[in-house]
Amino acid sequence: MFSTIRKIKNIKERFDGIPTENKFSQMFTLNKIERAPGSGISGDASAHQQGVYKLDGNENYIITGNVKNVDKHSLDHPYFYVARNGVGAKCFEGKDYYSIIVDPNDSTKFTHPGGIQVAENVLAIVLEGDGCTLVKFYDISGIPDKAGNEAKVNEFTNWSFKRDDAKGEAVGLIKRNGQWILAIQAGKYFEFYICDSEKAGEGNFVSIGRIECDKYKLKEFQNVNLYLNDKDDLFMFGMPYTYGTTDDKCALYKITLTKKNGTYTIEVALLSEKHFHRKEEGPRFCFAASIYCDNDILRIFSTEAHVENGSIRCCEWINWEGRYTSDPVDGGRYQVMNVKSRKVLDVSGKDLSNGAKIIQYHPTYRKQNQTFEFMKQSDNTWMLKALHSNKVLAVPGSSKKEHEAIIQYTNLGINDQKWRLESSDKGSFKLKNVNSDLVMDVTDRSDSDGAIIQQVKSKNEDCQRFMLIDAGGNMF
């Protein structure tokens, strides 16, 4: 299942715990994207990414936007495409993208497929038209797990519908107790629909009412996502349109739907609002953004407006609160985060071979080449075993030289593969090699993805300090 409906405990506290300073944002890229705004085809630069949603699994995303029509560049061409393991999946007849088909007899010009959400393999998309709204639903369960396999995508035509009195901009979808709930921003109103058929695609969505955005401090949202807490209460995250600023905003609302005598009442309460601060332009909430929660880790992420050289820059803000530790347990699984860069140790390129270098990279939950099993030795030192390769961190050739790059190697039980955890400032620690008496360090104090991890003399610097993120025993 591509998007399991997860219930978030202490949802407000987890949202409030996401840091907003620029230094805590993590950049990453989706690569080998064949067709998207900015890909070089005439007219594409006038369009942009519009919606994004994180799918279950490692670096799997679905993104919507529009480019100019493949054959007729003068026409808008809405689409969605899939990235698997961070690269274009090319699973739609050899293409990354799936063309969203609009009724050719409909004269409405749909400029963008707006915000999206995926729930139990159902993709909901709202298309912005000239004063109207088109909502489409797709069964994406046929998108393959492996690259090279052809995708099967079916539209749930029973559910899809059009509104002619307001332009739609954002959509949220969730399933609660066998009932599907849909939220749409259309003009100055926020509208709610339900479908009582438990099986996706059956029955119809029925309007249960709308509320005025201004009355409840609801803004012009580019993206919204619906989530539940562990008590099945309904919540909505909203990411408003804030183009032209370097601050991105996200708000959390509690939605209460009450049915009495066949009629629903809708109450909305603003619980919290956060401003995410940037020092420079980049992936923005005003283009494509979304919320994802896995194993109680809450993430907000966004994509840049356009693809460049086949890649799309993305950004995420993560709440690791409650998962930091400097006191590992024998057999525990952890990501090792550098205090200065906020990036984690990573076996470069997911390499399985002896001698593969260790770098730092933005943290991705459930990524095995970033996750290490801490194995306590009889002399109270530790060995760190990469989960993807079953090899341990080591200093090559038992070197005692400064600036020697750290590698992975088959476990030989020797001292250049053993590390002491020495307590340091603010609950962090240093990793000192038993053989060389030198500590792990990020080369050149870099904050960049791909920076080499080396051994040097211990200094009072954060690029030598690390914290552990508890990955949990049931990750895989």
Protein backbone atom coordinates (compact mmCIF):
# COMPACT_ATOMS: atom_id res chain seq x y z
CA MET A 1 0.00 0.00 0.00
CA PHE A 2 1.49 3.31 -1.07
CA SER A 3 -0.05 5.53 1.57
CA THR A 4 -1.13 3.94 4.81
CA ILE A 5 -3.44 6.09 6.93
CA ARG A 6 -1.41 6.69 10.07
CA LYS A 7 -2.80 8.12 13.27
CA ILE A 8 -0.59 10.70 14.91
CA LYS A 9 -0.37 10.74 18.70
CA ASN A 10 -0.03 14.16 20.34
CA ILE A 11 -0.42 15.77 16.95
CA LYS A 12 -0.21 19.39 18.13
CA GLU A 13 2.85 18.73 20.28
CA ARG A 14 4.62 17.00 17.39
CA PHE A 15 3.79 19.86 15.04
CA ASP A 16 4.93 22.46 17.56
CA GLY A 17 8.18 20.53 18.02
CA ILE A 18 9.29 20.93 14.40
CA PRO A 19 12.17 23.46 14.38
CA THR A 20 11.67 26.46 12.09
CA GLU A 21 15.18 27.94 11.83
CA ASN A 22 16.80 27.67 8.42
CA LYS A 23 19.68 25.54 9.73
CA PHE A 24 17.28 22.72 10.57
CA SER A 25 15.91 22.38 7.03
CA GLN A 26 17.28 19.48 4.99
CA MET A 27 17.78 19.68 1.21
CA PHE A 28 17.59 16.73 -1.16
CA THR A 29 16.90 16.14 -4.86
CA LEU A 30 14.70 13.97 -7.03
CA ASN A 31 16.76 12.97 -10.06
CA LYS A 32 16.36 11.77 -13.64
CA ILE A 33 13.07 13.60 -14.04
CA GLU A 34 12.25 13.49 -17.73
CA ARG A 35 9.36 15.90 -18.11
CA ALA A 36 8.38 18.65 -15.73
CA PRO A 37 8.25 22.44 -15.65
CA GLY A 38 11.64 23.80 -16.66
CA SER A 39 12.75 20.66 -18.49
CA GLY A 40 13.70 22.66 -21.57
CA ILE A 41 10.69 22.05 -23.80
CA SER A 42 9.25 25.28 -25.17
CA GLY A 43 6.84 26.95 -22.77
CA ASP A 44 7.44 24.65 -19.81
CA ALA A 45 9.01 27.43 -17.75
CA SER A 46 5.65 29.20 -17.54
CA ALA A 47 4.25 26.34 -15.46
CA HIS A 48 5.31 24.96 -12.10
CA GLN A 49 4.98 22.05 -9.70
CA GLN A 50 1.70 22.29 -7.87
CA GLY A 51 1.21 19.35 -5.51
CA VAL A 52 3.45 16.77 -3.84
CA TYR A 53 2.83 13.84 -1.50
CA LYS A 54 5.24 11.42 0.16
CA LEU A 55 4.39 7.79 -0.45
CA ASP A 56 5.33 4.92 1.85
CA GLY A 57 8.82 3.52 1.36
CA ASN A 58 12.22 5.00 0.74
CA GLU A 59 12.19 8.35 -1.11
CA ASN A 60 8.96 7.67 -3.02
CA TYR A 61 6.97 10.72 -4.08
CA ILE A 62 4.10 11.65 -6.35
CA ILE A 63 4.10 15.18 -7.77
CA THR A 64 1.63 17.13 -9.90
CA GLY A 65 2.01 20.11 -12.15
CA ASN A 66 1.50 21.16 -15.71
CA VAL A 67 3.66 21.67 -18.74
CA LYS A 68 2.80 22.58 -22.29
CA ASN A 69 1.17 19.84 -24.28
CA VAL A 70 3.68 17.34 -25.66
CA ASP A 71 2.46 17.74 -29.23
CA LYS A 72 0.86 21.17 -29.06
CA HIS A 73 2.98 23.46 -26.91
CA SER A 74 0.25 26.09 -26.76
CA LEU A 75 -2.03 23.92 -24.62
CA ASP A 76 -1.76 23.26 -20.90
CA HIS A 77 -0.88 19.68 -20.10
CA PRO A 78 -1.65 18.63 -16.51
CA TYR A 79 0.11 15.52 -15.24
CA PHE A 80 1.35 13.67 -12.23
CA TYR A 81 4.57 11.73 -12.01
CA VAL A 82 6.17 9.26 -9.66
CA ALA A 83 9.69 9.23 -8.21
CA ARG A 84 10.89 5.96 -6.66
CA ASN A 85 14.04 5.86 -4.56
CA GLY A 86 14.53 9.49 -5.46
CA VAL A 87 14.50 9.07 -9.27
CA GLY A 88 11.88 9.22 -12.00
CA ALA A 89 10.11 5.85 -12.18
CA LYS A 90 9.43 5.91 -15.96
CA CYS A 91 6.56 3.49 -15.41
CA PHE A 92 3.98 5.14 -17.70
CA GLU A 93 4.79 3.70 -21.12
CA GLY A 94 8.43 4.55 -20.51
CA LYS A 95 7.66 8.06 -19.21
CA ASP A 96 7.86 9.54 -15.72
CA TYR A 97 4.49 11.20 -15.95
CA TYR A 98 0.83 10.25 -16.33
CA SER A 99 -1.30 12.62 -18.38
CA ILE A 100 -4.43 13.81 -16.62
CA ILE A 101 -7.18 13.55 -19.22
CA VAL A 102 -9.79 16.30 -19.28
CA ASP A 103 -13.03 15.96 -21.22
CA PRO A 104 -12.22 17.26 -24.73
CA ASN A 105 -15.75 18.64 -24.99
CA ASP A 106 -15.16 20.82 -21.93
CA SER A 107 -14.06 24.27 -23.05
CA THR A 108 -12.71 25.13 -19.58
CA LYS A 109 -8.98 25.80 -19.45
CA PHE A 110 -7.49 23.96 -16.46
CA THR A 111 -4.24 25.74 -15.67
CA HIS A 112 -2.89 23.60 -12.83
CA PRO A 113 -3.56 20.37 -11.00
CA GLY A 114 -3.52 21.78 -7.48
CA GLY A 115 -2.69 20.27 -4.12
CA ILE A 116 -3.01 16.51 -3.68
CA GLN A 117 -3.28 13.81 -1.05
CA VAL A 118 -3.01 10.02 -1.22
CA ALA A 119 -4.94 7.77 1.16
CA GLU A 120 -4.98 3.97 0.90
CA ASN A 121 -3.79 4.04 -2.72
CA VAL A 122 -6.34 6.68 -3.74
CA LEU A 123 -4.84 9.83 -5.25
CA ALA A 124 -7.06 12.92 -5.01
CA ILE A 125 -6.24 15.87 -7.27
CA VAL A 126 -8.02 19.19 -7.68
CA LEU A 127 -7.58 21.00 -11.00
CA GLU A 128 -7.80 24.78 -11.11
CA GLY A 129 -10.03 26.07 -13.90
CA ASP A 130 -11.29 29.46 -15.02
CA GLY A 131 -13.68 29.99 -12.14
CA CYS A 132 -14.37 26.30 -11.66
CA THR A 133 -13.09 23.18 -9.93
CA LEU A 134 -12.44 19.68 -11.27
CA VAL A 135 -11.73 16.97 -8.69
CA LYS A 136 -10.30 13.67 -9.89
CA PHE A 137 -9.53 10.42 -8.10
CA TYR A 138 -7.15 7.69 -9.23
CA ASP A 139 -6.41 4.16 -8.08
CA ILE A 140 -2.59 4.07 -7.96
CA SER A 141 -2.27 0.57 -6.50
CA GLY A 142 -1.04 -0.56 -9.92
CA ILE A 143 2.10 1.57 -9.77
CA PRO A 144 4.91 -1.00 -9.56
CA ASP A 145 7.38 -1.37 -6.72
CA LYS A 146 10.28 -1.99 -9.11
CA ALA A 147 11.63 0.23 -11.85
CA GLY A 148 10.97 -0.93 -15.39
CA ASN A 149 7.56 -2.43 -14.66
CA GLU A 150 4.56 -0.82 -16.31
CA ALA A 151 2.06 1.08 -14.13
CA LYS A 152 -1.68 0.60 -14.22
CA VAL A 153 -3.66 3.66 -13.18
CA ASN A 154 -7.44 3.80 -13.17
CA GLU A 155 -9.64 6.83 -12.60
CA PHE A 156 -12.51 6.45 -10.15
CA THR A 157 -15.00 8.17 -12.43
CA ASN A 158 -17.86 7.69 -9.93
CA TRP A 159 -16.03 9.91 -7.50
CA SER A 160 -14.68 12.55 -9.88
CA PHE A 161 -16.81 15.69 -10.18
CA LYS A 162 -16.79 19.29 -11.37
CA ARG A 163 -17.87 22.52 -9.68
CA ASP A 164 -18.65 25.54 -11.90
CA ASP A 165 -18.89 28.31 -9.31
CA ALA A 166 -15.38 28.61 -7.78
CA LYS A 167 -11.75 27.87 -8.59
CA GLY A 168 -10.38 24.91 -6.62
CA GLU A 169 -6.89 25.20 -5.17
CA ALA A 170 -6.26 22.50 -2.57
CA VAL A 171 -7.66 19.11 -1.61
CA GLY A 172 -7.34 16.74 1.35
CA LEU A 173 -8.52 13.12 1.60
CA ILE A 174 -8.76 10.73 4.55
CA LYS A 175 -10.67 7.61 5.53
CA ARG A 176 -12.12 7.39 9.04
CA ASN A 177 -14.11 4.47 10.43
CA GLY A 178 -15.06 3.27 6.94
CA GLN A 179 -16.12 6.73 5.75
CA TRP A 180 -14.17 8.83 3.25
CA ILE A 181 -13.81 12.54 4.01
CA LEU A 182 -12.84 15.11 1.37
CA ALA A 183 -11.90 18.76 1.93
CA ILE A 184 -11.61 21.28 -0.91
CA GLN A 185 -10.70 24.93 -0.95
CA ALA A 186 -12.81 26.60 -3.62
CA GLY A 187 -12.55 30.38 -3.75
CA LYS A 188 -13.42 31.97 -0.42
CA TYR A 189 -14.98 28.79 0.95
CA PHE A 190 -13.74 25.55 2.37
CA GLU A 191 -16.05 22.66 1.48
CA PHE A 192 -16.40 19.19 3.00
CA TYR A 193 -17.74 16.03 1.38
CA ILE A 194 -18.28 12.47 2.58
CA CYS A 195 -18.67 9.08 0.92
CA ASP A 196 -20.14 6.29 3.06
CA SER A 197 -18.96 3.48 0.80
CA GLU A 198 -15.97 1.86 2.47
CA LYS A 199 -14.58 0.53 -0.82
CA ALA A 200 -12.66 3.11 -2.81
CA GLY A 201 -14.36 4.29 -5.98
CA GLU A 202 -17.85 3.09 -5.07
CA GLY A 203 -20.76 5.38 -4.27
CA ASN A 204 -20.45 9.15 -4.55
CA PHE A 205 -19.10 12.07 -2.58
CA VAL A 206 -21.91 14.17 -1.08
CA SER A 207 -21.47 17.74 0.10
CA ILE A 208 -22.09 18.19 3.82
CA GLY A 209 -21.50 21.92 3.93
CA ARG A 210 -18.99 24.73 3.57
CA ILE A 211 -17.49 27.43 5.72
CA GLU A 212 -16.14 30.89 4.98
CA CYS A 213 -12.35 30.94 5.04
CA ASP A 214 -12.09 34.39 6.64
CA LYS A 215 -14.32 33.42 9.57
CA TYR A 216 -11.93 30.63 10.64
CA LYS A 217 -8.65 32.31 9.62
CA LEU A 218 -8.33 29.89 6.72
CA LYS A 219 -5.98 31.32 4.13
CA GLU A 220 -5.48 30.82 0.41
CA PHE A 221 -3.98 27.36 0.71
CA GLN A 222 -1.84 25.84 -1.98
CA ASN A 223 -1.88 22.46 -0.23
CA VAL A 224 -3.88 20.84 2.58
CA ASN A 225 -3.62 17.40 4.18
CA LEU A 226 -6.11 15.63 6.43
CA TYR A 227 -4.87 13.45 9.31
CA LEU A 228 -6.29 11.62 12.32
CA ASN A 229 -4.98 11.31 15.84
CA ASP A 230 -5.05 8.12 17.89
CA LYS A 231 -8.61 8.98 19.02
CA ASP A 232 -9.87 9.39 15.43
CA ASP A 233 -10.22 13.14 15.78
CA LEU A 234 -9.87 14.94 12.43
CA PHE A 235 -7.13 17.49 11.77
CA MET A 236 -6.05 19.53 8.78
CA PHE A 237 -2.63 20.94 7.90
CA GLY A 238 -2.72 23.94 5.59
CA MET A 239 0.17 25.49 3.67
CA PRO A 240 -0.88 28.91 2.37
CA TYR A 241 0.26 30.76 -0.70
CA THR A 242 3.13 33.03 0.45
CA TYR A 243 4.88 33.77 -2.84
CA GLY A 244 7.43 36.58 -2.76
CA THR A 245 8.69 36.00 0.78
CA THR A 246 11.39 33.76 2.25
CA ASP A 247 9.08 32.57 5.03
CA ASP A 248 6.88 29.52 4.56
CA LYS A 249 3.87 29.02 6.80
CA CYS A 250 1.96 25.96 7.93
CA ALA A 251 -1.11 25.90 10.14
CA LEU A 252 -2.78 23.08 12.06
CA TYR A 253 -6.57 23.02 12.49
CA LYS A 254 -8.92 20.68 14.31
CA ILE A 255 -12.01 19.85 12.24
CA THR A 256 -15.19 18.69 13.98
CA LEU A 257 -17.98 17.21 11.84
CA THR A 258 -21.18 16.63 13.83
CA LYS A 259 -24.26 14.95 12.36
CA LYS A 260 -27.68 15.57 13.89
CA ASN A 261 -31.04 14.76 12.31
CA GLY A 262 -29.34 14.09 9.00
CA THR A 263 -27.56 17.46 8.89
CA TYR A 264 -23.87 18.14 9.50
CA THR A 265 -22.35 21.06 11.34
CA ILE A 266 -18.73 21.96 10.72
CA GLU A 267 -16.46 23.54 13.31
CA VAL A 268 -12.87 24.58 12.70
CA ALA A 269 -10.35 25.56 15.39
CA LEU A 270 -6.88 26.94 14.66
CA LEU A 271 -4.52 25.07 16.99
CA SER A 272 -1.11 26.27 15.90
CA GLU A 273 0.71 28.15 13.16
CA LYS A 274 4.43 28.07 12.34
CA HIS A 275 6.70 30.20 10.17
CA PHE A 276 9.62 28.36 8.58
CA HIS A 277 12.45 30.79 7.91
CA ARG A 278 14.83 30.63 4.96
CA LYS A 279 17.97 32.56 4.18
CA GLU A 280 17.58 32.13 0.44
CA GLU A 281 15.10 31.09 -2.20
CA GLY A 282 14.50 27.41 -2.83
CA PRO A 283 11.72 24.83 -2.51
CA ARG A 284 8.65 26.73 -1.35
CA PHE A 285 5.36 25.85 0.29
CA CYS A 286 3.65 28.09 -2.27
CA PHE A 287 4.40 25.64 -5.08
CA ALA A 288 4.13 22.07 -3.79
CA ALA A 289 4.25 21.00 -0.16
CA SER A 290 2.86 18.29 2.08
CA ILE A 291 2.91 16.56 5.47
CA TYR A 292 4.05 13.00 6.12
CA CYS A 293 4.15 11.02 9.35
CA ASP A 294 5.84 7.67 9.90
CA ASN A 295 6.49 6.02 13.25
CA ASP A 296 5.50 9.27 15.01
CA ILE A 297 8.10 11.32 13.10
CA LEU A 298 6.37 14.31 11.51
CA ARG A 299 7.84 15.80 8.34
CA ILE A 300 6.92 18.84 6.24
CA PHE A 301 8.45 18.90 2.78
CA SER A 302 8.25 20.92 -0.42
CA THR A 303 9.58 20.98 -3.96
CA GLU A 304 11.05 23.74 -6.06
CA ALA A 305 8.89 25.27 -8.79
CA HIS A 306 10.89 23.89 -11.71
CA VAL A 307 13.15 21.03 -12.66
CA GLU A 308 16.73 21.89 -13.57
CA ASN A 309 19.08 19.55 -15.42
CA GLY A 310 16.75 16.66 -14.73
CA SER A 311 16.58 17.25 -10.98
CA ILE A 312 14.12 18.88 -8.62
CA ARG A 313 15.39 20.38 -5.39
CA CYS A 314 13.31 19.52 -2.34
CA CYS A 315 13.37 20.55 1.29
CA GLU A 316 12.07 18.95 4.44
CA TRP A 317 11.64 19.97 8.05
CA ILE A 318 11.59 17.09 10.52
CA ASN A 319 10.54 16.70 14.14
CA TRP A 320 12.99 14.23 15.63
CA GLU A 321 11.82 15.22 19.12
CA GLY A 322 11.80 12.29 21.51
CA ARG A 323 14.17 10.23 19.34
CA TYR A 324 17.49 11.90 20.19
CA THR A 325 19.79 10.02 22.51
CA SER A 326 23.47 9.87 23.41
CA ASP A 327 23.15 6.58 25.28
CA PRO A 328 22.82 3.65 22.85
CA VAL A 329 21.86 0.14 23.84
CA ASP A 330 23.58 -3.00 22.58
CA GLY A 331 21.85 -4.07 19.37
CA GLY A 332 20.03 -0.73 19.03
CA ARG A 333 19.53 0.80 15.58
CA TYR A 334 20.33 4.47 15.11
CA GLN A 335 21.01 7.23 12.66
CA VAL A 336 24.11 9.22 13.64
CA MET A 337 23.48 12.96 13.22
CA ASN A 338 26.21 15.60 13.17
CA VAL A 339 25.47 18.46 15.56
CA LYS A 340 26.70 21.19 13.19
CA SER A 341 25.29 20.12 9.83
CA ARG A 342 22.17 18.23 11.07
CA LYS A 343 23.02 15.54 8.52
CA VAL A 344 23.65 11.87 9.25
CA LEU A 345 26.33 9.30 8.51
CA ASP A 346 25.64 7.58 5.19
CA VAL A 347 27.39 4.81 3.22
CA SER A 348 27.97 6.57 -0.09
CA GLY A 349 25.83 5.30 -2.95
CA LYS A 350 24.37 2.48 -0.84
CA ASP A 351 27.59 0.63 -1.70
CA LEU A 352 27.88 -2.94 -0.43
CA SER A 353 31.62 -3.33 -0.96
CA ASN A 354 34.59 -3.13 1.39
CA GLY A 355 36.21 0.30 1.32
CA ALA A 356 33.05 2.30 0.54
CA LYS A 357 33.43 5.78 2.01
CA ILE A 358 31.27 7.26 4.72
CA ILE A 359 29.72 10.63 3.96
CA GLN A 360 27.12 12.84 5.56
CA TYR A 361 23.69 13.19 3.94
CA HIS A 362 20.27 14.56 4.78
CA PRO A 363 18.40 12.06 6.97
CA THR A 364 15.76 9.86 5.40
CA TYR A 365 13.81 7.68 7.80
CA ARG A 366 13.98 3.93 7.06
CA LYS A 367 17.04 4.34 4.82
CA GLN A 368 19.22 1.34 5.64
CA ASN A 369 22.56 2.78 4.44
CA GLN A 370 22.02 5.56 6.99
CA THR A 371 21.08 3.24 9.82
CA PHE A 372 23.64 1.53 12.04
CA GLU A 373 23.38 -1.23 14.60
CA PHE A 374 25.46 -0.39 17.67
CA MET A 375 27.24 -3.51 18.93
CA LYS A 376 28.80 -3.25 22.37
CA GLN A 377 32.15 -5.01 22.83
CA SER A 378 33.54 -6.69 25.95
CA ASP A 379 35.95 -3.74 26.48
CA ASN A 380 32.99 -1.29 26.51
CA THR A 381 33.81 0.04 23.04
CA TRP A 382 31.35 -0.05 20.13
CA MET A 383 31.22 -1.30 16.57
CA LEU A 384 28.79 0.37 14.14
CA LYS A 385 27.30 -1.98 11.54
CA ALA A 386 25.52 -0.58 8.46
CA LEU A 387 22.19 -2.35 8.05
CA HIS A 388 22.25 -2.49 4.25
CA SER A 389 25.71 -4.12 3.97
CA ASN A 390 26.36 -5.75 7.37
CA LYS A 391 29.81 -4.14 7.31
CA VAL A 392 31.22 -1.98 10.11
CA LEU A 393 32.75 1.48 10.22
CA ALA A 394 36.54 1.36 10.13
CA VAL A 395 39.76 3.31 9.49
CA PRO A 396 41.47 1.81 6.40
CA GLY A 397 44.77 -0.01 6.93
CA SER A 398 44.71 0.69 10.68
CA SER A 399 45.96 4.17 9.78
CA LYS A 400 46.79 6.64 12.53
CA LYS A 401 47.07 9.59 10.13
CA GLU A 402 44.83 12.64 10.35
CA HIS A 403 42.30 13.20 7.54
CA GLU A 404 42.03 9.51 6.73
CA ALA A 405 38.53 8.87 5.34
CA ILE A 406 36.27 6.54 7.30
CA ILE A 407 35.07 3.47 5.37
CA GLN A 408 32.96 0.35 5.83
CA TYR A 409 34.62 -3.06 5.99
CA THR A 410 33.91 -6.67 6.88
CA ASN A 411 33.89 -7.15 10.65
CA LEU A 412 37.34 -8.42 11.68
CA GLY A 413 37.01 -7.51 15.36
CA ILE A 414 40.15 -5.34 15.28
CA ASN A 415 40.77 -2.00 16.98
CA ASP A 416 40.48 0.21 13.87
CA GLN A 417 36.84 -0.93 13.75
CA LYS A 418 36.11 -0.09 17.38
CA TRP A 419 34.95 3.29 18.70
CA ARG A 420 34.65 4.95 22.08
CA LEU A 421 31.68 7.23 22.71
CA GLU A 422 32.99 10.22 24.66
CA SER A 423 30.41 12.53 26.19
CA SER A 424 30.46 16.11 24.94
CA ASP A 425 28.29 19.25 25.09
CA LYS A 426 24.49 19.40 24.97
CA GLY A 427 23.88 15.66 25.18
CA SER A 428 26.15 14.91 22.24
CA PHE A 429 29.25 12.70 22.02
CA LYS A 430 32.41 12.18 20.01
CA LEU A 431 33.36 8.94 18.25
CA LYS A 432 37.03 8.17 18.98
CA ASN A 433 38.76 5.36 17.14
CA VAL A 434 40.40 2.86 19.52
CA ASN A 435 43.41 2.28 17.25
CA SER A 436 44.28 5.85 16.21
CA ASP A 437 42.90 7.84 19.17
CA LEU A 438 41.47 10.28 16.58
CA VAL A 439 37.81 11.32 16.33
CA MET A 440 35.25 11.33 13.55
CA ASP A 441 34.94 14.71 11.85
CA VAL A 442 33.07 16.25 8.89
CA THR A 443 35.65 17.40 6.34
CA ASP A 444 36.04 21.20 6.12
CA ARG A 445 33.23 21.67 8.68
CA SER A 446 30.88 21.26 5.72
CA ASP A 447 27.10 21.44 5.91
CA SER A 448 26.71 19.91 2.43
CA ASP A 449 25.41 16.52 1.38
CA GLY A 450 28.26 14.25 0.34
CA ALA A 451 30.94 15.69 2.64
CA ILE A 452 33.49 13.01 3.58
CA ILE A 453 33.73 11.74 7.15
CA GLN A 454 37.35 11.59 8.32
CA GLN A 455 39.42 11.12 11.49
CA VAL A 456 41.30 14.07 13.05
CA LYS A 457 42.56 15.27 16.42
CA SER A 458 39.83 16.17 18.87
CA LYS A 459 38.88 19.85 18.99
CA ASN A 460 36.10 21.88 20.56
CA GLU A 461 33.98 21.95 17.38
CA ASP A 462 30.44 20.85 16.60
CA CYS A 463 31.53 19.18 13.34
CA GLN A 464 33.06 16.50 15.61
CA ARG A 465 29.98 16.07 17.79
CA PHE A 466 27.17 13.64 17.09
CA MET A 467 23.75 12.64 18.39
CA LEU A 468 21.79 9.46 17.83
CA ILE A 469 18.31 9.24 16.37
CA ASP A 470 16.58 6.12 17.64
CA ALA A 471 15.43 4.25 14.56
CA GLY A 472 13.48 1.65 16.53
CA GLY A 473 13.72 -2.11 16.37
CA ASN A 474 10.76 -2.57 14.02
CA MET A 475 11.91 -0.29 11.19
CA PHE A 476 12.28 -3.00 8.64
